[in-house]
Amino acid sequence: MINYTVRDVNNVQACWYSTNNGITNSSKTTYGANFTNVISTEGSNNWIVYCNDTFGNLGLTSVTFNKDTIKPLIDFVSPTETNN
């Protein structure tokens, strides 16, 4: 889920998001509707939320985070005794 806040809400026309640096964008929605069913991927994620106003101004903000769901492999090796 992406929750966002716009500072100047008086003239907001639409908001949308991208999870791949603007290559693919969601459908535009009215301000105040948070985005649900947004799926992050393993590794680095960069999510951008865009909003424009009725004057044609565009604002955006982004967040980058890393998703790591792979469990580490740990191999415990007991020390061996040496004879001197």
N, C-alpha and C. Protein backbone atom coordinates (compact mmCIF):
# COMPACT_ATOMS: atom_id res chain seq x y z
N MET A 1 0.85 -1.17 0.00
CA MET A 1 0.00 0.00 0.00
C MET A 1 0.89 1.23 0.00
N ILE A 2 0.48 2.24 -0.75
CA ILE A 2 1.19 3.52 -0.74
C ILE A 2 0.25 4.57 -0.15
N ASN A 3 0.65 5.15 0.96
CA ASN A 3 -0.05 6.28 1.56
C ASN A 3 0.75 7.53 1.26
N TYR A 4 0.09 8.60 0.91
CA TYR A 4 0.77 9.84 0.59
C TYR A 4 -0.06 11.03 1.06
N THR A 5 0.58 12.18 1.16
CA THR A 5 -0.08 13.41 1.58
C THR A 5 0.35 14.53 0.65
N VAL A 6 -0.57 15.36 0.25
CA VAL A 6 -0.29 16.53 -0.58
C VAL A 6 -0.44 17.77 0.29
N ARG A 7 0.51 18.68 0.20
CA ARG A 7 0.47 19.88 1.04
C ARG A 7 -0.61 20.86 0.62
N ASP A 8 -0.70 21.16 -0.67
CA ASP A 8 -1.69 22.12 -1.17
C ASP A 8 -2.79 21.35 -1.89
N VAL A 9 -3.84 21.02 -1.17
CA VAL A 9 -4.89 20.15 -1.73
C VAL A 9 -5.97 20.92 -2.49
N ASN A 10 -5.91 22.25 -2.50
CA ASN A 10 -6.98 23.04 -3.11
C ASN A 10 -7.13 22.82 -4.61
N ASN A 11 -6.04 22.62 -5.32
CA ASN A 11 -6.12 22.53 -6.78
C ASN A 11 -5.60 21.21 -7.33
N VAL A 12 -5.51 20.18 -6.50
CA VAL A 12 -5.01 18.89 -6.97
C VAL A 12 -6.00 18.30 -7.97
N GLN A 13 -5.47 17.89 -9.11
CA GLN A 13 -6.31 17.31 -10.15
C GLN A 13 -6.30 15.79 -10.10
N ALA A 14 -5.09 15.20 -10.04
CA ALA A 14 -4.98 13.74 -10.06
C ALA A 14 -3.65 13.31 -9.48
N CYS A 15 -3.60 12.06 -9.02
CA CYS A 15 -2.36 11.45 -8.51
C CYS A 15 -2.23 10.05 -9.10
N TRP A 16 -1.00 9.58 -9.24
CA TRP A 16 -0.71 8.26 -9.74
C TRP A 16 0.66 7.84 -9.23
N TYR A 17 1.03 6.59 -9.45
CA TYR A 17 2.33 6.10 -8.96
C TYR A 17 3.01 5.24 -9.99
N SER A 18 4.30 5.03 -9.77
CA SER A 18 5.10 4.12 -10.57
C SER A 18 6.00 3.32 -9.64
N THR A 19 6.17 2.05 -9.94
CA THR A 19 7.09 1.22 -9.17
C THR A 19 8.33 0.86 -9.99
N ASN A 20 8.46 1.44 -11.18
CA ASN A 20 9.63 1.15 -12.01
C ASN A 20 10.18 2.43 -12.65
N ASN A 21 10.35 3.45 -11.82
CA ASN A 21 10.97 4.72 -12.23
C ASN A 21 10.24 5.43 -13.37
N GLY A 22 8.93 5.34 -13.42
CA GLY A 22 8.14 6.06 -14.41
C GLY A 22 7.94 5.35 -15.73
N ILE A 23 8.49 4.15 -15.89
CA ILE A 23 8.31 3.42 -17.14
C ILE A 23 6.85 3.01 -17.30
N THR A 24 6.28 2.50 -16.23
CA THR A 24 4.87 2.10 -16.21
C THR A 24 4.20 2.83 -15.05
N ASN A 25 3.07 3.45 -15.31
CA ASN A 25 2.36 4.20 -14.28
C ASN A 25 0.99 3.59 -14.02
N SER A 26 0.50 3.81 -12.80
CA SER A 26 -0.85 3.39 -12.47
C SER A 26 -1.85 4.32 -13.15
N SER A 27 -3.10 4.00 -13.06
CA SER A 27 -4.14 4.91 -13.53
C SER A 27 -4.20 6.11 -12.61
N LYS A 28 -4.57 7.24 -13.18
CA LYS A 28 -4.73 8.45 -12.36
C LYS A 28 -5.95 8.29 -11.48
N THR A 29 -5.86 8.85 -10.28
CA THR A 29 -6.97 8.81 -9.34
C THR A 29 -7.09 10.16 -8.66
N THR A 30 -8.20 10.41 -8.04
CA THR A 30 -8.38 11.66 -7.32
C THR A 30 -7.52 11.65 -6.06
N TYR A 31 -7.13 12.85 -5.63
CA TYR A 31 -6.32 12.96 -4.43
C TYR A 31 -7.08 12.41 -3.22
N GLY A 32 -6.34 11.75 -2.35
CA GLY A 32 -6.91 11.21 -1.12
C GLY A 32 -7.13 9.72 -1.17
N ALA A 33 -7.14 9.16 -2.37
CA ALA A 33 -7.29 7.71 -2.50
C ALA A 33 -5.90 7.09 -2.45
N ASN A 34 -5.61 6.37 -1.38
CA ASN A 34 -4.32 5.70 -1.27
C ASN A 34 -4.31 4.51 -2.22
N PHE A 35 -3.12 4.08 -2.59
CA PHE A 35 -2.98 3.00 -3.57
C PHE A 35 -2.82 1.67 -2.84
N THR A 36 -3.70 0.74 -3.12
CA THR A 36 -3.64 -0.58 -2.50
C THR A 36 -3.17 -1.60 -3.53
N ASN A 37 -2.88 -2.79 -3.08
CA ASN A 37 -2.43 -3.89 -3.94
C ASN A 37 -1.16 -3.55 -4.72
N VAL A 38 -0.31 -2.72 -4.14
CA VAL A 38 0.99 -2.41 -4.74
C VAL A 38 1.97 -3.46 -4.24
N ILE A 39 2.63 -4.12 -5.15
CA ILE A 39 3.48 -5.25 -4.78
C ILE A 39 4.95 -4.88 -4.97
N SER A 40 5.72 -5.05 -3.92
CA SER A 40 7.16 -4.84 -4.01
C SER A 40 7.82 -6.12 -4.52
N THR A 41 9.03 -5.97 -5.04
CA THR A 41 9.78 -7.11 -5.57
C THR A 41 11.01 -7.35 -4.70
N GLU A 42 11.56 -8.52 -4.82
CA GLU A 42 12.80 -8.86 -4.13
C GLU A 42 13.90 -7.93 -4.61
N GLY A 43 14.68 -7.40 -3.68
CA GLY A 43 15.77 -6.49 -4.03
C GLY A 43 15.36 -5.04 -3.91
N SER A 44 15.98 -4.19 -4.69
CA SER A 44 15.75 -2.75 -4.60
C SER A 44 14.43 -2.35 -5.25
N ASN A 45 13.68 -1.48 -4.57
CA ASN A 45 12.41 -0.95 -5.07
C ASN A 45 12.46 0.57 -4.99
N ASN A 46 11.99 1.24 -6.03
CA ASN A 46 11.89 2.70 -6.03
C ASN A 46 10.47 3.05 -6.44
N TRP A 47 9.69 3.52 -5.49
CA TRP A 47 8.29 3.89 -5.75
C TRP A 47 8.18 5.41 -5.82
N ILE A 48 7.47 5.90 -6.83
CA ILE A 48 7.29 7.34 -7.03
C ILE A 48 5.80 7.64 -7.07
N VAL A 49 5.37 8.65 -6.33
CA VAL A 49 4.00 9.15 -6.40
C VAL A 49 4.03 10.51 -7.07
N TYR A 50 3.19 10.68 -8.07
CA TYR A 50 3.07 11.94 -8.80
C TYR A 50 1.69 12.53 -8.54
N CYS A 51 1.60 13.86 -8.47
CA CYS A 51 0.32 14.56 -8.44
C CYS A 51 0.46 15.81 -9.29
N ASN A 52 -0.60 16.12 -10.01
CA ASN A 52 -0.60 17.38 -10.76
C ASN A 52 -1.78 18.23 -10.31
N ASP A 53 -1.69 19.52 -10.60
CA ASP A 53 -2.79 20.41 -10.23
C ASP A 53 -3.48 20.95 -11.48
N THR A 54 -4.50 21.74 -11.28
CA THR A 54 -5.29 22.26 -12.40
C THR A 54 -4.52 23.29 -13.22
N PHE A 55 -3.37 23.76 -12.72
CA PHE A 55 -2.54 24.72 -13.44
C PHE A 55 -1.46 24.03 -14.27
N GLY A 56 -1.39 22.69 -14.21
CA GLY A 56 -0.39 21.95 -14.98
C GLY A 56 0.91 21.70 -14.24
N ASN A 57 0.98 22.06 -12.97
CA ASN A 57 2.19 21.80 -12.19
C ASN A 57 2.23 20.34 -11.77
N LEU A 58 3.41 19.78 -11.77
CA LEU A 58 3.60 18.38 -11.41
C LEU A 58 4.52 18.29 -10.20
N GLY A 59 4.10 17.53 -9.20
CA GLY A 59 4.93 17.27 -8.04
C GLY A 59 5.13 15.78 -7.89
N LEU A 60 6.24 15.41 -7.32
CA LEU A 60 6.49 13.99 -7.11
C LEU A 60 7.34 13.79 -5.88
N THR A 61 7.26 12.60 -5.35
CA THR A 61 8.13 12.20 -4.25
C THR A 61 8.41 10.72 -4.42
N SER A 62 9.55 10.28 -3.93
CA SER A 62 9.90 8.87 -4.11
C SER A 62 10.47 8.29 -2.83
N VAL A 63 10.41 7.00 -2.76
CA VAL A 63 11.02 6.25 -1.67
C VAL A 63 11.71 5.03 -2.28
N THR A 64 12.91 4.77 -1.82
CA THR A 64 13.66 3.60 -2.26
C THR A 64 13.91 2.71 -1.05
N PHE A 65 13.64 1.43 -1.21
CA PHE A 65 13.86 0.49 -0.12
C PHE A 65 14.26 -0.85 -0.69
N ASN A 66 14.83 -1.68 0.17
CA ASN A 66 15.29 -3.01 -0.23
C ASN A 66 14.42 -4.07 0.44
N LYS A 67 13.95 -5.02 -0.33
CA LYS A 67 13.17 -6.13 0.20
C LYS A 67 14.04 -7.39 0.14
N ASP A 68 14.24 -7.99 1.29
CA ASP A 68 15.08 -9.19 1.38
C ASP A 68 14.32 -10.25 2.15
N THR A 69 13.76 -11.22 1.44
CA THR A 69 13.01 -12.30 2.08
C THR A 69 13.74 -13.63 2.00
N ILE A 70 14.95 -13.60 1.48
CA ILE A 70 15.72 -14.84 1.34
C ILE A 70 16.42 -15.14 2.65
N LYS A 71 16.15 -16.31 3.20
CA LYS A 71 16.77 -16.71 4.46
C LYS A 71 18.24 -17.02 4.22
N PRO A 72 19.11 -16.57 5.12
CA PRO A 72 20.54 -16.86 4.94
C PRO A 72 20.84 -18.33 5.23
N LEU A 73 21.84 -18.83 4.56
CA LEU A 73 22.31 -20.19 4.80
C LEU A 73 23.50 -20.10 5.75
N ILE A 74 23.40 -20.81 6.85
CA ILE A 74 24.48 -20.81 7.84
C ILE A 74 24.96 -22.25 8.01
N ASP A 75 26.25 -22.44 7.90
CA ASP A 75 26.84 -23.77 8.04
C ASP A 75 27.72 -23.74 9.27
N PHE A 76 27.27 -24.40 10.35
CA PHE A 76 28.02 -24.45 11.58
C PHE A 76 29.05 -25.57 11.49
N VAL A 77 30.30 -25.23 11.73
CA VAL A 77 31.38 -26.20 11.69
C VAL A 77 32.04 -26.22 13.06
N SER A 78 32.04 -27.36 13.68
CA SER A 78 32.67 -27.47 14.99
C SER A 78 34.19 -27.41 14.82
N PRO A 79 34.88 -26.78 15.74
CA PRO A 79 36.35 -26.77 15.64
C PRO A 79 36.90 -28.18 15.86
N THR A 80 37.97 -28.50 15.20
CA THR A 80 38.62 -29.80 15.36
C THR A 80 39.82 -29.67 16.27
N GLU A 81 40.11 -30.74 16.99
CA GLU A 81 41.28 -30.73 17.86
C GLU A 81 42.50 -31.09 17.05
N THR A 82 43.60 -30.47 17.38
CA THR A 82 44.87 -30.80 16.72
C THR A 82 45.82 -31.38 17.75
N ASN A 83 46.58 -32.35 17.33
CA ASN A 83 47.59 -32.95 18.22
C ASN A 83 48.95 -32.32 17.90
N ASN A 84 49.58 -31.79 18.94
CA ASN A 84 50.90 -31.18 18.73
C ASN A 84 51.97 -32.11 19.13
